[in-house]
Amino acid sequence: MNVHRVAKDKKEAVRMAIMAGIDISMTPNDFEFTKLLIELVKEGTIPESRLDLSVRRILKLKQDLGLFYQTSYDKSYYSLFGSEEHAQASYDVAAECLTLLKNKKNVLPVSKNEKIFVCGPAANSLNLLNGAWTHTWQGIDTTYNTKGKQTILAALQSNSSNISYAKGVAIDSVENIKQCVKQAKQADKIVIAIGETPCTEIPGNINDLTLTAPQLGLINELSTLNKPIILVCNFNRPRIINSVVEKVDAILYAYLSGDEGGRAIADCIYGKVNPSGKLPFTYPRHVNSFVHYDRKFSEDQDVDFSANAYRPQFDFGFGLSYTDFAYSNIKLSDTTLGKTEKITLSVVVKNTGTTTGKEVVQLYYADLVASITPSVKKLMAYEKIKLVPGETKTISFDIRKEDFSFINKKLKRITESGEIELMLHGQKKKIYVE
């Protein structure tokens, strides 16, 4: 009624909704929908048969879910709820996701002997690690935070006694930057934990992806001290940090890592966790720079008609490690797909560094010519492996014709014959699809 403006009042809106096929009104704190529905049925505006249909569908759903046979379960069914096993699983997931985007001169990991100054709005907040739809709808209320869980600051302090702290700024306001500068001067390295206010749905809408001015100000001010800066990003979405990327030495993207995120982040900073996450999105360099990795060749055209439009801050699938990996000996079992059901691509990956680490081996492809303009590249397969220093593994991917299928002009899924370029860690191989 008030938003869509297709009904003259709430009663008319209820009638339209029910007759359109809605079975359930999810408004737990407002019963006006129910009251108006009863009035409409009594008036004969909505037939009882229409309600019977909804009741039948709802009962069928409950039957399919087994709710008529087991309406509730004893707490023994949830013996692991809130357990150490679940906490460990949460920690493991957070650790696997941490994505290292920059590590100039191997500023990370830090040693326990180094004096670390910690600041930023996300440094001492569980809410900024959890986000919305966790403990509460918008995730702002601290009342329901899990007791005993560590913030980034608390977890860092658990690793070392050489930790000092001052918040510096909140998300949208300045608190004590001068105090930060004073304390940071005494430190060997600086950790700035930035974030954004937990939010979801319409309250989460923003007009500008740029990191808030107080946080940018804090980074800019501390960068004048010429101390190594480690930026820890705790975001609902990629906020624009282009103006400060060159002013920091390391960038650890932590997403919303949850109650165990503080521990995982701290362990990563101290080297107990070797980051192995890869970006699941294209990180924009500018506010309106939304050209994705899976793009058409025409999307590479910039204002000068040259092919430089795709310039993300960080590419899809990007992520560094505390060790190094070398790719070699890429082989194809065949170069023509059609004579055989599949082609197998194999590659040898070696850990050439000094630290055990995990690598995500990513295989991309480009259809060089197609009846529907093809993508510059598309991810077709990946596998995450763990290697100790000096260890090698051979990874294989099976490639089939359907891997290159797409929807054509007649809205049919097809695979066309032609050349395909396979891309793996900067190396390319061509095959032909018959």
Protein backbone atom coordinates (compact mmCIF):
# COMPACT_ATOMS: atom_id res chain seq x y z
CA MET A 1 0.00 0.00 0.00
CA ASN A 2 2.60 2.57 1.09
CA VAL A 3 5.51 1.25 -0.97
CA HIS A 4 4.15 -0.34 -4.15
CA ARG A 5 1.04 1.91 -4.36
CA VAL A 6 -1.16 -0.69 -6.03
CA ALA A 7 -3.69 -0.98 -3.19
CA LYS A 8 -5.86 1.76 -1.69
CA ASP A 9 -5.51 0.45 1.88
CA LYS A 10 -4.08 -2.44 3.91
CA LYS A 11 -7.21 -4.53 3.54
CA GLU A 12 -7.01 -4.33 -0.23
CA ALA A 13 -3.29 -5.15 -0.05
CA VAL A 14 -4.04 -8.31 1.98
CA ARG A 15 -6.68 -9.38 -0.55
CA MET A 16 -4.29 -8.90 -3.46
CA ALA A 17 -1.49 -10.77 -1.69
CA ILE A 18 -3.62 -13.80 -0.81
CA MET A 19 -5.22 -14.02 -4.25
CA ALA A 20 -1.76 -13.80 -5.81
CA GLY A 21 -0.85 -17.05 -4.05
CA ILE A 22 0.88 -16.05 -0.80
CA ASP A 23 0.53 -18.75 1.89
CA ILE A 24 2.35 -17.24 4.86
CA SER A 25 2.64 -13.70 6.26
CA MET A 26 6.00 -13.39 8.00
CA THR A 27 5.17 -10.47 10.29
CA PRO A 28 5.59 -11.96 13.78
CA ASN A 29 5.02 -8.72 15.69
CA ASP A 30 2.00 -7.41 13.78
CA PHE A 31 -1.27 -9.38 13.52
CA GLU A 32 -3.19 -6.87 11.38
CA PHE A 33 -2.68 -9.04 8.28
CA THR A 34 -4.45 -11.93 10.04
CA LYS A 35 -7.30 -9.78 11.35
CA LEU A 36 -7.95 -8.24 7.94
CA LEU A 37 -7.79 -11.67 6.29
CA ILE A 38 -10.49 -12.98 8.64
CA GLU A 39 -12.67 -9.96 7.78
CA LEU A 40 -12.20 -10.56 4.05
CA VAL A 41 -13.23 -14.21 4.39
CA LYS A 42 -16.31 -13.36 6.48
CA GLU A 43 -17.32 -10.77 3.88
CA GLY A 44 -16.96 -13.36 1.12
CA THR A 45 -14.30 -11.30 -0.69
CA ILE A 46 -11.85 -14.18 -0.30
CA PRO A 47 -13.36 -17.68 -0.54
CA GLU A 48 -12.59 -20.22 2.19
CA SER A 49 -11.41 -22.55 -0.58
CA ARG A 50 -8.48 -20.17 -1.14
CA LEU A 51 -7.46 -20.54 2.52
CA ASP A 52 -7.91 -24.31 2.25
CA LEU A 53 -5.35 -24.29 -0.57
CA SER A 54 -2.80 -22.47 1.56
CA VAL A 55 -3.49 -24.69 4.57
CA ARG A 56 -3.05 -27.78 2.39
CA ARG A 57 0.28 -26.55 1.04
CA ILE A 58 1.56 -25.61 4.50
CA LEU A 59 0.52 -28.98 5.97
CA LYS A 60 2.18 -30.75 3.03
CA LEU A 61 5.40 -28.86 3.74
CA LYS A 62 5.26 -29.84 7.42
CA GLN A 63 4.61 -33.43 6.45
CA ASP A 64 7.57 -33.45 4.08
CA LEU A 65 9.73 -32.07 6.89
CA GLY A 66 8.56 -34.81 9.25
CA LEU A 67 7.07 -32.35 11.74
CA PHE A 68 4.01 -34.54 12.34
CA TYR A 69 6.21 -37.39 13.49
CA GLN A 70 8.87 -35.50 15.47
CA THR A 71 7.76 -32.05 16.58
CA SER A 72 10.69 -31.45 18.92
CA TYR A 73 14.00 -33.04 19.82
CA ASP A 74 15.71 -33.65 23.11
CA LYS A 75 18.74 -31.52 23.85
CA SER A 76 20.86 -34.65 23.55
CA TYR A 77 20.41 -34.34 19.77
CA TYR A 78 22.42 -31.11 19.98
CA SER A 79 25.19 -32.29 22.24
CA LEU A 80 27.82 -30.52 20.12
CA PHE A 81 26.01 -27.18 20.09
CA GLY A 82 28.46 -24.56 21.36
CA SER A 83 31.06 -27.27 21.87
CA GLU A 84 34.83 -27.14 21.46
CA GLU A 85 34.41 -29.22 18.29
CA HIS A 86 32.17 -26.56 16.76
CA ALA A 87 34.47 -23.78 17.90
CA GLN A 88 37.41 -25.56 16.26
CA ALA A 89 35.44 -25.99 13.02
CA SER A 90 34.59 -22.27 13.08
CA TYR A 91 38.26 -21.41 13.66
CA ASP A 92 39.36 -23.70 10.83
CA VAL A 93 36.93 -22.10 8.37
CA ALA A 94 38.03 -18.58 9.37
CA ALA A 95 41.69 -19.54 9.00
CA GLU A 96 41.13 -21.12 5.57
CA CYS A 97 39.39 -17.98 4.29
CA LEU A 98 41.95 -15.36 5.37
CA THR A 99 43.29 -13.74 2.19
CA LEU A 100 46.67 -12.01 2.10
CA LEU A 101 46.52 -9.25 -0.53
CA LYS A 102 49.83 -7.51 0.14
CA ASN A 103 52.99 -8.38 2.06
CA LYS A 104 55.75 -5.90 1.22
CA LYS A 105 59.21 -7.10 2.28
CA ASN A 106 57.56 -9.94 4.20
CA VAL A 107 56.36 -7.67 6.98
CA LEU A 108 54.13 -10.60 7.95
CA PRO A 109 54.33 -12.72 9.95
CA VAL A 110 55.52 -10.76 12.97
CA SER A 111 57.61 -12.17 15.82
CA LYS A 112 56.64 -12.20 19.48
CA ASN A 113 59.64 -10.03 20.29
CA GLU A 114 58.36 -7.14 18.17
CA LYS A 115 56.39 -4.35 19.79
CA ILE A 116 52.99 -4.18 18.07
CA PHE A 117 50.62 -1.24 18.31
CA VAL A 118 46.99 -2.11 17.57
CA CYS A 119 44.21 0.32 16.68
CA GLY A 120 41.08 0.74 14.59
CA PRO A 121 37.34 0.19 15.16
CA ALA A 122 37.47 -3.56 14.43
CA ALA A 123 40.39 -4.29 16.76
CA ASN A 124 38.34 -4.81 19.91
CA SER A 125 34.87 -5.66 18.62
CA LEU A 126 33.21 -9.05 18.20
CA ASN A 127 30.32 -7.41 16.36
CA LEU A 128 32.56 -6.23 13.52
CA LEU A 129 33.85 -9.79 13.14
CA ASN A 130 30.37 -11.32 13.02
CA GLY A 131 28.26 -8.86 11.05
CA ALA A 132 24.50 -9.09 10.69
CA TRP A 133 22.17 -12.10 10.85
CA THR A 134 24.38 -13.65 13.51
CA HIS A 135 23.52 -12.98 17.15
CA THR A 136 20.93 -10.37 16.16
CA TRP A 137 19.31 -9.15 12.94
CA GLN A 138 21.54 -6.11 12.26
CA GLY A 139 24.39 -7.47 14.40
CA ILE A 140 24.89 -4.23 16.35
CA ASP A 141 23.57 -5.20 19.80
CA THR A 142 26.41 -6.39 22.04
CA THR A 143 24.05 -7.99 24.58
CA TYR A 144 24.04 -11.37 22.90
CA ASN A 145 27.74 -11.64 22.03
CA THR A 146 29.19 -15.05 22.86
CA LYS A 147 30.99 -14.93 26.19
CA GLY A 148 34.63 -15.91 26.25
CA LYS A 149 35.34 -15.24 22.57
CA GLN A 150 38.38 -13.17 21.70
CA THR A 151 38.50 -10.00 19.67
CA ILE A 152 41.50 -9.40 17.41
CA LEU A 153 43.13 -7.38 20.19
CA ALA A 154 42.53 -10.03 22.88
CA ALA A 155 43.83 -12.76 20.61
CA LEU A 156 46.97 -10.77 19.79
CA GLN A 157 47.54 -10.22 23.51
CA SER A 158 47.23 -13.99 24.01
CA ASN A 159 50.11 -14.45 21.57
CA SER A 160 52.43 -11.79 22.98
CA SER A 161 52.84 -9.37 25.87
CA ASN A 162 54.34 -6.76 23.51
CA ILE A 163 50.95 -5.34 22.52
CA SER A 164 49.72 -1.77 23.05
CA TYR A 165 46.31 -0.44 22.01
CA ALA A 166 44.27 2.68 21.39
CA LYS A 167 41.09 2.66 19.32
CA GLY A 168 41.83 5.86 17.42
CA VAL A 169 38.56 6.10 15.50
CA ALA A 170 35.11 4.58 15.37
CA ILE A 171 33.55 3.73 12.01
CA ASP A 172 32.21 7.24 11.46
CA SER A 173 33.90 9.39 14.10
CA VAL A 174 37.34 10.36 15.36
CA GLU A 175 38.20 9.49 18.96
CA ASN A 176 41.91 9.74 19.81
CA ILE A 177 44.20 9.75 16.77
CA LYS A 178 46.81 11.82 18.63
CA GLN A 179 47.01 9.10 21.27
CA CYS A 180 47.46 6.52 18.50
CA VAL A 181 50.34 8.46 17.01
CA LYS A 182 52.01 8.79 20.41
CA GLN A 183 51.79 5.06 21.15
CA ALA A 184 52.63 3.98 17.60
CA LYS A 185 55.94 5.83 17.78
CA GLN A 186 57.07 3.35 20.42
CA ALA A 187 56.11 0.29 18.35
CA ASP A 188 58.00 -1.75 15.77
CA LYS A 189 54.90 -2.44 13.67
CA ILE A 190 51.32 -1.17 13.52
CA VAL A 191 48.16 -3.24 13.10
CA ILE A 192 45.12 -1.26 11.96
CA ALA A 193 41.90 -3.27 12.08
CA ILE A 194 39.29 -1.54 9.93
CA GLY A 195 35.69 -2.50 9.27
CA GLU A 196 32.15 -1.34 8.72
CA THR A 197 29.01 -1.19 10.82
CA PRO A 198 27.25 -4.58 10.79
CA CYS A 199 24.16 -4.38 8.61
CA THR A 200 21.88 -6.24 6.26
CA GLU A 201 18.91 -5.64 3.95
CA ILE A 202 17.83 -2.00 3.45
CA PRO A 203 19.66 -0.69 6.57
CA GLY A 204 22.84 -2.00 4.95
CA ASN A 205 22.50 0.09 1.80
CA ILE A 206 25.20 2.75 1.37
CA ASN A 207 25.79 5.42 -1.25
CA ASP A 208 29.56 5.14 -1.42
CA LEU A 209 31.86 2.12 -1.14
CA THR A 210 34.81 4.28 -0.08
CA LEU A 211 36.17 3.43 3.36
CA THR A 212 34.88 5.95 5.89
CA ALA A 213 36.81 9.22 6.30
CA PRO A 214 37.84 8.67 9.98
CA GLN A 215 39.40 5.30 9.11
CA LEU A 216 41.20 6.68 6.07
CA GLY A 217 42.39 9.55 8.24
CA LEU A 218 43.80 7.15 10.83
CA ILE A 219 45.71 5.21 8.18
CA ASN A 220 47.03 8.39 6.57
CA GLU A 221 48.16 9.84 9.91
CA LEU A 222 49.97 6.68 11.02
CA SER A 223 51.61 6.24 7.62
CA THR A 224 53.63 9.43 8.24
CA LEU A 225 55.55 7.63 11.01
CA ASN A 226 57.33 5.38 8.47
CA LYS A 227 56.52 2.30 10.54
CA PRO A 228 55.42 -0.96 8.88
CA ILE A 229 51.61 -1.00 8.78
CA ILE A 230 49.47 -4.14 8.65
CA LEU A 231 45.90 -3.46 7.52
CA VAL A 232 43.26 -6.00 8.57
CA CYS A 233 40.01 -5.60 6.60
CA ASN A 234 36.78 -6.83 8.21
CA PHE A 235 34.08 -6.00 5.66
CA ASN A 236 30.59 -7.00 4.54
CA ARG A 237 31.72 -6.09 1.02
CA PRO A 238 34.92 -4.74 -0.60
CA ARG A 239 35.31 -1.14 0.54
CA ILE A 240 37.44 1.16 -1.61
CA ILE A 241 40.93 1.51 -0.10
CA ASN A 242 42.81 2.61 -3.23
CA SER A 243 44.06 5.84 -1.65
CA VAL A 244 45.89 3.98 1.15
CA VAL A 245 47.00 0.73 -0.48
CA GLU A 246 50.48 2.13 -1.19
CA LYS A 247 50.72 3.56 2.33
CA VAL A 248 50.50 0.21 4.08
CA ASP A 249 52.89 -2.73 3.95
CA ALA A 250 50.50 -5.65 4.38
CA ILE A 251 46.79 -6.16 3.73
CA LEU A 252 44.96 -9.11 5.27
CA TYR A 253 41.37 -9.45 4.07
CA ALA A 254 39.38 -11.23 6.80
CA TYR A 255 35.79 -10.90 5.48
CA LEU A 256 33.39 -11.48 8.41
CA SER A 257 35.23 -14.27 10.19
CA GLY A 258 32.90 -14.84 13.14
CA ASP A 259 33.46 -15.54 16.83
CA GLU A 260 36.71 -17.43 16.15
CA GLY A 261 37.94 -14.83 13.67
CA GLY A 262 39.92 -12.93 16.28
CA ARG A 263 41.99 -16.01 17.06
CA ALA A 264 42.46 -16.92 13.41
CA ILE A 265 43.56 -13.39 12.46
CA ALA A 266 45.99 -13.14 15.37
CA ASP A 267 47.45 -16.57 14.61
CA CYS A 268 47.88 -15.51 10.99
CA ILE A 269 49.66 -12.30 12.01
CA TYR A 270 52.05 -14.33 14.18
CA GLY A 271 52.57 -17.03 11.55
CA LYS A 272 50.75 -19.92 13.21
CA VAL A 273 48.34 -19.81 10.27
CA ASN A 274 49.70 -19.47 6.74
CA PRO A 275 47.01 -17.58 4.76
CA SER A 276 45.64 -19.55 1.82
CA GLY A 277 42.40 -17.80 0.87
CA LYS A 278 41.76 -16.50 -2.65
CA LEU A 279 39.44 -13.60 -3.49
CA PRO A 280 35.97 -14.88 -4.50
CA PHE A 281 35.22 -11.53 -6.18
CA THR A 282 36.95 -8.86 -8.24
CA TYR A 283 38.10 -6.15 -5.79
CA PRO A 284 37.33 -2.73 -7.35
CA ARG A 285 39.96 -0.02 -7.50
CA HIS A 286 37.44 2.84 -7.75
CA VAL A 287 33.87 3.42 -6.60
CA ASN A 288 32.31 2.82 -10.01
CA SER A 289 34.84 0.28 -11.27
CA PHE A 290 32.68 -2.80 -11.54
CA VAL A 291 34.20 -4.69 -14.46
CA HIS A 292 34.47 -8.31 -13.36
CA TYR A 293 37.05 -10.94 -14.26
CA ASP A 294 34.37 -12.93 -16.15
CA ARG A 295 33.83 -10.19 -18.70
CA LYS A 296 33.42 -9.65 -22.43
CA PHE A 297 36.34 -8.45 -24.51
CA SER A 298 34.44 -5.22 -25.22
CA GLU A 299 34.45 -4.46 -21.49
CA ASP A 300 38.21 -4.02 -21.64
CA GLN A 301 37.76 -0.87 -23.75
CA ASP A 302 38.54 2.29 -21.80
CA VAL A 303 37.81 5.94 -22.58
CA ASP A 304 40.77 6.03 -24.98
CA PHE A 305 39.49 2.92 -26.82
CA SER A 306 42.48 0.96 -25.59
CA ALA A 307 42.18 -2.29 -23.66
CA ASN A 308 42.91 -1.00 -20.16
CA ALA A 309 39.46 -0.73 -18.59
CA TYR A 310 39.93 -3.84 -16.45
CA ARG A 311 42.18 -2.59 -13.66
CA PRO A 312 40.89 -3.99 -10.38
CA GLN A 313 42.59 -3.32 -7.08
CA PHE A 314 42.97 -7.08 -6.70
CA ASP A 315 41.94 -9.73 -9.19
CA PHE A 316 39.43 -12.52 -8.68
CA GLY A 317 41.25 -15.60 -7.37
CA PHE A 318 44.18 -13.56 -6.02
CA GLY A 319 45.79 -14.33 -2.67
CA LEU A 320 49.35 -14.51 -1.33
CA SER A 321 51.04 -16.95 1.03
CA TYR A 322 53.97 -16.92 3.46
CA THR A 323 55.64 -19.43 1.15
CA ASP A 324 56.14 -19.71 -2.62
CA PHE A 325 54.77 -22.19 -5.15
CA ALA A 326 56.22 -23.09 -8.54
CA TYR A 327 54.14 -24.57 -11.39
CA SER A 328 55.81 -26.74 -14.01
CA ASN A 329 55.40 -29.57 -16.49
CA ILE A 330 51.87 -28.75 -17.66
CA LYS A 331 50.72 -31.64 -19.85
CA LEU A 332 47.64 -32.50 -21.91
CA SER A 333 46.62 -36.09 -22.59
CA ASP A 334 45.35 -34.90 -26.00
CA THR A 335 44.81 -31.62 -27.85
CA THR A 336 41.52 -32.52 -29.55
CA LEU A 337 38.33 -33.00 -27.55
CA GLY A 338 35.87 -35.10 -29.47
CA LYS A 339 38.01 -38.00 -30.51
CA THR A 340 38.09 -38.83 -26.81
CA GLU A 341 35.45 -38.29 -24.13
CA LYS A 342 37.80 -36.19 -22.05
CA ILE A 343 41.22 -34.55 -21.99
CA THR A 344 43.28 -34.65 -18.81
CA LEU A 345 45.43 -31.65 -17.93
CA SER A 346 48.12 -32.23 -15.33
CA VAL A 347 50.51 -29.84 -13.62
CA VAL A 348 53.30 -30.24 -11.06
CA VAL A 349 53.15 -27.82 -8.11
CA LYS A 350 56.09 -27.44 -5.73
CA ASN A 351 56.46 -25.57 -2.46
CA THR A 352 59.72 -23.71 -3.07
CA GLY A 353 59.62 -21.75 0.17
CA THR A 354 60.48 -22.55 3.77
CA THR A 355 56.98 -22.75 5.26
CA THR A 356 54.21 -25.33 4.94
CA GLY A 357 51.34 -23.81 2.99
CA LYS A 358 48.19 -24.40 1.00
CA GLU A 359 47.69 -23.42 -2.62
CA VAL A 360 44.51 -23.19 -4.67
CA VAL A 361 45.33 -24.47 -8.16
CA GLN A 362 42.98 -22.60 -10.52
CA LEU A 363 42.22 -23.59 -14.12
CA TYR A 364 40.61 -20.99 -16.41
CA TYR A 365 39.59 -21.09 -20.04
CA ALA A 366 38.71 -18.74 -22.89
CA ASP A 367 36.54 -19.69 -25.87
CA LEU A 368 38.43 -17.81 -28.59
CA VAL A 369 35.51 -17.51 -31.05
CA ALA A 370 31.84 -18.22 -30.36
CA SER A 371 28.40 -17.38 -31.77
CA ILE A 372 27.65 -15.52 -28.53
CA THR A 373 30.46 -13.14 -27.58
CA PRO A 374 32.66 -15.16 -25.20
CA SER A 375 34.25 -14.19 -21.90
CA VAL A 376 37.87 -13.12 -21.59
CA LYS A 377 38.27 -16.00 -19.14
CA LYS A 378 36.17 -18.22 -16.90
CA LEU A 379 37.11 -20.36 -13.93
CA MET A 380 36.41 -24.00 -14.80
CA ALA A 381 38.13 -26.03 -12.06
CA TYR A 382 40.21 -25.67 -8.91
CA GLU A 383 41.74 -27.75 -6.15
CA LYS A 384 43.30 -26.76 -2.84
CA ILE A 385 46.42 -28.66 -1.82
CA LYS A 386 48.80 -28.60 1.14
CA LEU A 387 52.55 -28.83 0.64
CA VAL A 388 55.45 -28.91 3.06
CA PRO A 389 58.68 -27.13 2.00
CA GLY A 390 60.24 -28.91 -0.97
CA GLU A 391 57.21 -31.14 -1.56
CA THR A 392 55.68 -31.55 -5.02
CA LYS A 393 52.26 -32.78 -6.10
CA THR A 394 50.81 -33.51 -9.50
CA ILE A 395 47.30 -32.15 -9.90
CA SER A 396 45.02 -33.35 -12.68
CA PHE A 397 41.81 -31.91 -14.12
CA ASP A 398 39.49 -33.81 -16.46
CA ILE A 399 38.12 -31.61 -19.24
CA ARG A 400 34.93 -32.50 -21.13
CA LYS A 401 32.98 -30.85 -23.95
CA GLU A 402 30.15 -29.80 -21.63
CA ASP A 403 32.62 -27.69 -19.65
CA PHE A 404 32.53 -25.19 -22.56
CA SER A 405 28.77 -25.14 -23.07
CA PHE A 406 26.71 -21.96 -23.09
CA ILE A 407 23.19 -20.76 -23.93
CA ASN A 408 22.97 -19.81 -27.61
CA LYS A 409 20.67 -17.38 -29.46
CA LYS A 410 17.89 -19.96 -29.53
CA LEU A 411 18.14 -20.38 -25.75
CA LYS A 412 19.58 -23.87 -26.13
CA ARG A 413 22.60 -25.12 -24.21
CA ILE A 414 25.25 -26.12 -26.72
CA THR A 415 28.99 -26.68 -27.08
CA GLU A 416 30.44 -25.27 -30.29
CA SER A 417 33.49 -26.55 -32.09
CA GLY A 418 36.58 -24.36 -32.12
CA GLU A 419 39.75 -23.40 -30.28
CA ILE A 420 39.83 -23.16 -26.50
CA GLU A 421 42.66 -21.55 -24.55
CA LEU A 422 43.39 -23.07 -21.16
CA MET A 423 45.07 -20.85 -18.55
CA LEU A 424 46.88 -22.03 -15.44
CA HIS A 425 49.06 -19.79 -13.27
CA GLY A 426 49.97 -17.49 -16.16
CA GLN A 427 50.69 -20.35 -18.58
CA LYS A 428 48.51 -21.16 -21.58
CA LYS A 429 47.67 -24.28 -23.59
CA LYS A 430 45.32 -24.61 -26.58
CA ILE A 431 42.97 -27.44 -27.39
CA TYR A 432 40.44 -27.93 -30.17
CA VAL A 433 36.83 -28.95 -29.52
CA GLU A 434 35.25 -30.89 -32.39
